[in-house]
């Protein structure tokens, strides 16, 4: 499968360099030099992945991302920021605008290619047949998968209930710790990861999405 990638950057040298290297990897690559052009191009070619800069003329990357997410025909398109603005608050604002991932510049080309391959594997996974319908009733403490009731320990249930309370929203690790374990409870750094792994084993691996180094979100 030849994945379609849309590169959006106002710096021609970066645009051409990245395009050349991705085409060498066999990808179908399209380009845009600002946010307005990117939206039109995305609606035209329906890319699997959009690599989006943050700082651009006419419309910045955040606003571009928000507007792209308004189009239902682009729901399955992965949007990834590729930008020099790599601080935590910039990453969080990017995820809140609807991005699926965040890559900070500068980055070596072979590492960028590796990240892109990993992201596109997620596209293939998301387009795979559904793993089942998950239903939760917090008041009755009940979780069902395809109508079959699942028995979850208290913390796993609370974690799933939190993520499912706002599907598609990214919950930071700090917020999860606070709302599931409480601010006065000391837990290990891997506690969330262990509970997420156990939940995936029970409800299927496609529903809970990891945003590396930031947090998790639930996708129906």
Protein backbone atom coordinates (compact mmCIF):
# COMPACT_ATOMS: atom_id res chain seq x y z
CA UNK A 1 0.00 0.00 0.00
CA UNK A 2 1.37 3.40 -1.01
CA UNK A 3 0.41 5.82 1.73
CA UNK A 4 -0.36 9.42 0.84
CA UNK A 5 1.45 12.06 2.89
CA UNK A 6 0.80 15.81 2.84
CA UNK A 7 3.72 18.00 3.94
CA UNK A 8 2.86 21.48 5.12
CA UNK A 9 5.71 23.95 5.69
CA UNK A 10 6.49 27.48 4.53
CA UNK A 11 10.23 26.77 4.21
CA UNK A 12 10.92 25.47 0.71
CA UNK A 13 14.22 23.82 1.57
CA UNK A 14 12.66 21.76 4.35
CA UNK A 15 9.67 20.93 2.18
CA UNK A 16 11.78 19.69 -0.72
CA UNK A 17 14.26 17.80 1.45
CA UNK A 18 11.59 15.89 3.36
CA UNK A 19 9.57 15.25 0.22
CA UNK A 20 12.59 13.82 -1.62
CA UNK A 21 13.44 11.44 1.20
CA UNK A 22 9.86 10.26 1.71
CA UNK A 23 9.41 9.64 -1.99
CA UNK A 24 12.55 7.48 -1.86
CA UNK A 25 10.73 5.38 0.75
CA UNK A 26 7.89 4.81 -1.70
CA UNK A 27 5.33 7.25 -0.29
CA UNK A 28 3.04 9.40 -2.44
CA UNK A 29 3.94 12.89 -1.25
CA UNK A 30 1.98 16.13 -1.70
CA UNK A 31 2.97 19.58 -0.41
CA UNK A 32 1.44 22.84 0.76
CA UNK A 33 3.14 26.04 1.90
CA UNK A 34 0.51 27.46 4.27
CA UNK A 35 -2.57 26.41 6.20
CA UNK A 36 -5.14 27.61 3.70
CA UNK A 37 -3.43 25.71 0.88
CA UNK A 38 -3.09 22.66 3.14
CA UNK A 39 -6.84 22.40 3.79
CA UNK A 40 -7.66 22.54 0.08
CA UNK A 41 -4.97 20.02 -0.76
CA UNK A 42 -6.06 17.66 2.00
CA UNK A 43 -9.67 17.68 0.79
CA UNK A 44 -8.40 16.96 -2.71
CA UNK A 45 -6.03 14.02 -2.06
CA UNK A 46 -7.35 12.65 1.29
CA UNK A 47 -3.91 11.89 2.76
CA UNK A 48 -3.29 9.15 5.28
CA UNK A 49 -0.89 11.47 7.13
CA UNK A 50 -0.40 15.23 7.34
CA UNK A 51 2.95 16.56 8.61
CA UNK A 52 2.16 20.07 9.75
CA UNK A 53 4.41 22.96 10.77
CA UNK A 54 3.29 25.27 13.59
CA UNK A 55 4.64 28.64 12.42
CA UNK A 56 3.24 29.60 9.01
CA UNK A 57 1.86 32.73 7.32
CA UNK A 58 -1.87 33.35 6.73
CA UNK A 59 -2.95 30.61 9.15
CA UNK A 60 -0.79 28.99 11.82
CA UNK A 61 -0.56 25.25 12.38
CA UNK A 62 -2.92 25.14 15.35
CA UNK A 63 -5.75 26.83 13.49
CA UNK A 64 -5.05 24.70 10.43
CA UNK A 65 -5.30 21.56 12.53
CA UNK A 66 -8.58 22.67 14.08
CA UNK A 67 -10.09 23.40 10.67
CA UNK A 68 -8.90 20.12 9.23
CA UNK A 69 -10.64 18.31 12.07
CA UNK A 70 -13.93 19.98 11.11
CA UNK A 71 -14.09 17.91 7.91
CA UNK A 72 -15.61 14.46 8.44
CA UNK A 73 -13.92 13.11 5.31
CA UNK A 74 -10.57 13.64 7.05
CA UNK A 75 -11.54 11.86 10.27
CA UNK A 76 -9.15 8.97 9.57
CA UNK A 77 -6.27 11.23 8.54
CA UNK A 78 -3.42 11.32 11.05
CA UNK A 79 -2.21 14.87 11.77
CA UNK A 80 1.30 15.17 13.17
CA UNK A 81 3.06 18.41 14.02
CA UNK A 82 6.63 18.61 12.74
CA UNK A 83 7.93 21.80 14.30
CA UNK A 84 10.72 23.51 16.20
CA UNK A 85 8.25 24.37 18.98
CA UNK A 86 8.83 21.26 21.07
CA UNK A 87 8.14 22.39 24.64
CA UNK A 88 5.50 20.57 26.70
CA UNK A 89 2.95 23.39 26.56
CA UNK A 90 3.31 23.60 22.77
CA UNK A 91 2.78 19.85 22.51
CA UNK A 92 -0.31 19.96 24.71
CA UNK A 93 -1.83 22.79 22.68
CA UNK A 94 -1.15 20.78 19.54
CA UNK A 95 -2.91 17.70 20.91
CA UNK A 96 -5.81 19.82 22.11
CA UNK A 97 -6.16 21.20 18.58
CA UNK A 98 -6.66 17.66 17.29
CA UNK A 99 -3.17 16.39 16.46
CA UNK A 100 -2.39 12.69 16.78
CA UNK A 101 1.33 13.06 17.42
CA UNK A 102 4.10 15.64 17.77
CA UNK A 103 7.65 15.54 16.36
CA UNK A 104 10.16 18.21 17.33
CA UNK A 105 12.72 19.68 14.93
CA UNK A 106 15.57 19.28 14.35
CA UNK A 107 15.34 15.55 13.69
CA UNK A 108 17.56 13.25 11.66
CA UNK A 109 15.90 12.04 8.50
CA UNK A 110 16.22 8.32 9.24
CA UNK A 111 14.59 8.86 12.63
CA UNK A 112 11.78 10.88 11.04
CA UNK A 113 11.19 8.09 8.52
CA UNK A 114 11.07 5.57 11.36
CA UNK A 115 8.51 7.68 13.25
CA UNK A 116 6.39 8.04 10.12
CA UNK A 117 6.41 4.29 9.53
CA UNK A 118 5.24 3.72 13.10
CA UNK A 119 2.48 6.31 12.72
CA UNK A 120 1.26 4.81 9.45
CA UNK A 121 1.07 1.40 11.12
CA UNK A 122 -1.44 3.01 13.45
CA UNK A 123 -3.43 4.11 10.37
CA UNK A 124 -3.55 0.51 9.17
CA UNK A 125 -4.56 -0.66 12.63
CA UNK A 126 -7.32 1.96 12.88
CA UNK A 127 -8.69 0.91 9.50
CA UNK A 128 -8.76 -2.75 10.51
CA UNK A 129 -12.05 -4.42 11.43
CA UNK A 130 -13.51 -3.31 14.75
CA UNK A 131 -12.45 -5.18 17.87
CA UNK A 132 -15.90 -4.86 19.41
CA UNK A 133 -18.30 -2.36 20.92
CA UNK A 134 -17.43 -1.27 24.45
CA UNK A 135 -20.20 -0.04 26.75
CA UNK A 136 -19.78 1.31 30.27
CA UNK A 137 -22.32 2.10 32.98
CA UNK A 138 -20.44 3.86 35.81
CA UNK A 139 -23.52 4.02 38.05
CA UNK A 140 -23.93 0.23 37.97
CA UNK A 141 -20.20 -0.50 37.78
CA UNK A 142 -20.68 -2.48 34.57
CA UNK A 143 -18.53 -2.79 31.43
CA UNK A 144 -19.64 -4.81 28.41
CA UNK A 145 -17.81 -5.84 25.26
CA UNK A 146 -20.18 -6.81 22.45
CA UNK A 147 -22.86 -7.30 25.09
CA UNK A 148 -20.74 -9.59 27.27
CA UNK A 149 -20.03 -8.28 30.75
CA UNK A 150 -16.39 -7.82 31.82
CA UNK A 151 -15.17 -7.94 35.39
CA UNK A 152 -12.67 -5.16 36.04
CA UNK A 153 -10.78 -4.31 39.25
CA UNK A 154 -11.68 -0.96 40.77
CA UNK A 155 -8.74 1.06 39.40
CA UNK A 156 -9.03 -0.41 35.90
CA UNK A 157 -12.73 0.46 35.91
CA UNK A 158 -12.04 4.02 37.10
CA UNK A 159 -9.33 4.49 34.47
CA UNK A 160 -11.57 3.23 31.66
CA UNK A 161 -14.50 5.32 32.89
CA UNK A 162 -12.33 8.44 32.85
CA UNK A 163 -11.02 7.83 29.32
CA UNK A 164 -14.49 6.95 27.98
CA UNK A 165 -16.06 10.02 29.59
CA UNK A 166 -14.68 12.13 26.72
CA UNK A 167 -13.79 9.95 23.71
CA UNK A 168 -11.03 11.46 21.59
CA UNK A 169 -9.77 13.75 24.36
CA UNK A 170 -6.15 13.38 25.43
CA UNK A 171 -5.77 12.88 29.18
CA UNK A 172 -2.30 13.69 30.48
CA UNK A 173 -0.60 11.22 32.80
CA UNK A 174 -0.71 13.81 35.59
CA UNK A 175 -4.48 14.23 35.26
CA UNK A 176 -5.02 10.47 35.22
CA UNK A 177 -2.92 10.04 38.37
CA UNK A 178 -4.86 12.79 40.12
CA UNK A 179 -8.36 11.69 39.11
CA UNK A 180 -7.94 7.92 39.42
CA UNK A 181 -5.42 7.52 42.25
CA UNK A 182 -5.76 10.86 44.01
CA UNK A 183 -3.15 13.53 44.61
CA UNK A 184 -2.16 12.15 48.02
CA UNK A 185 -1.49 8.60 46.82
CA UNK A 186 2.08 7.83 45.75
CA UNK A 187 2.28 5.36 42.86
CA UNK A 188 5.11 4.23 40.61
CA UNK A 189 5.83 5.75 37.22
CA UNK A 190 4.73 2.56 35.43
CA UNK A 191 1.43 2.15 37.29
CA UNK A 192 -0.69 3.68 34.53
CA UNK A 193 1.12 1.69 31.85
CA UNK A 194 0.44 -1.59 33.65
CA UNK A 195 -3.27 -0.78 34.03
CA UNK A 196 -3.52 0.32 30.39
CA UNK A 197 -1.91 -2.93 29.24
CA UNK A 198 -4.39 -4.98 31.28
CA UNK A 199 -7.34 -2.97 29.92
CA UNK A 200 -6.18 -3.53 26.35
CA UNK A 201 -6.02 -7.26 26.97
CA UNK A 202 -9.67 -7.19 28.07
CA UNK A 203 -11.33 -4.66 25.73
CA UNK A 204 -9.05 -4.92 22.68
CA UNK A 205 -5.89 -3.10 21.69
CA UNK A 206 -7.37 -0.49 19.33
CA UNK A 207 -9.51 1.53 21.72
CA UNK A 208 -6.91 3.15 23.99
CA UNK A 209 -4.36 5.27 22.13
CA UNK A 210 -0.97 6.13 23.62
CA UNK A 211 0.52 9.56 23.01
CA UNK A 212 4.12 8.85 23.95
CA UNK A 213 5.38 10.87 26.89
CA UNK A 214 2.09 12.74 27.30
CA UNK A 215 -0.91 10.51 28.06
CA UNK A 216 -3.77 8.44 26.69
CA UNK A 217 -7.10 8.82 24.92
CA UNK A 218 -10.04 6.54 24.14
CA UNK A 219 -11.26 6.05 20.57
CA UNK A 220 -14.55 4.26 19.95
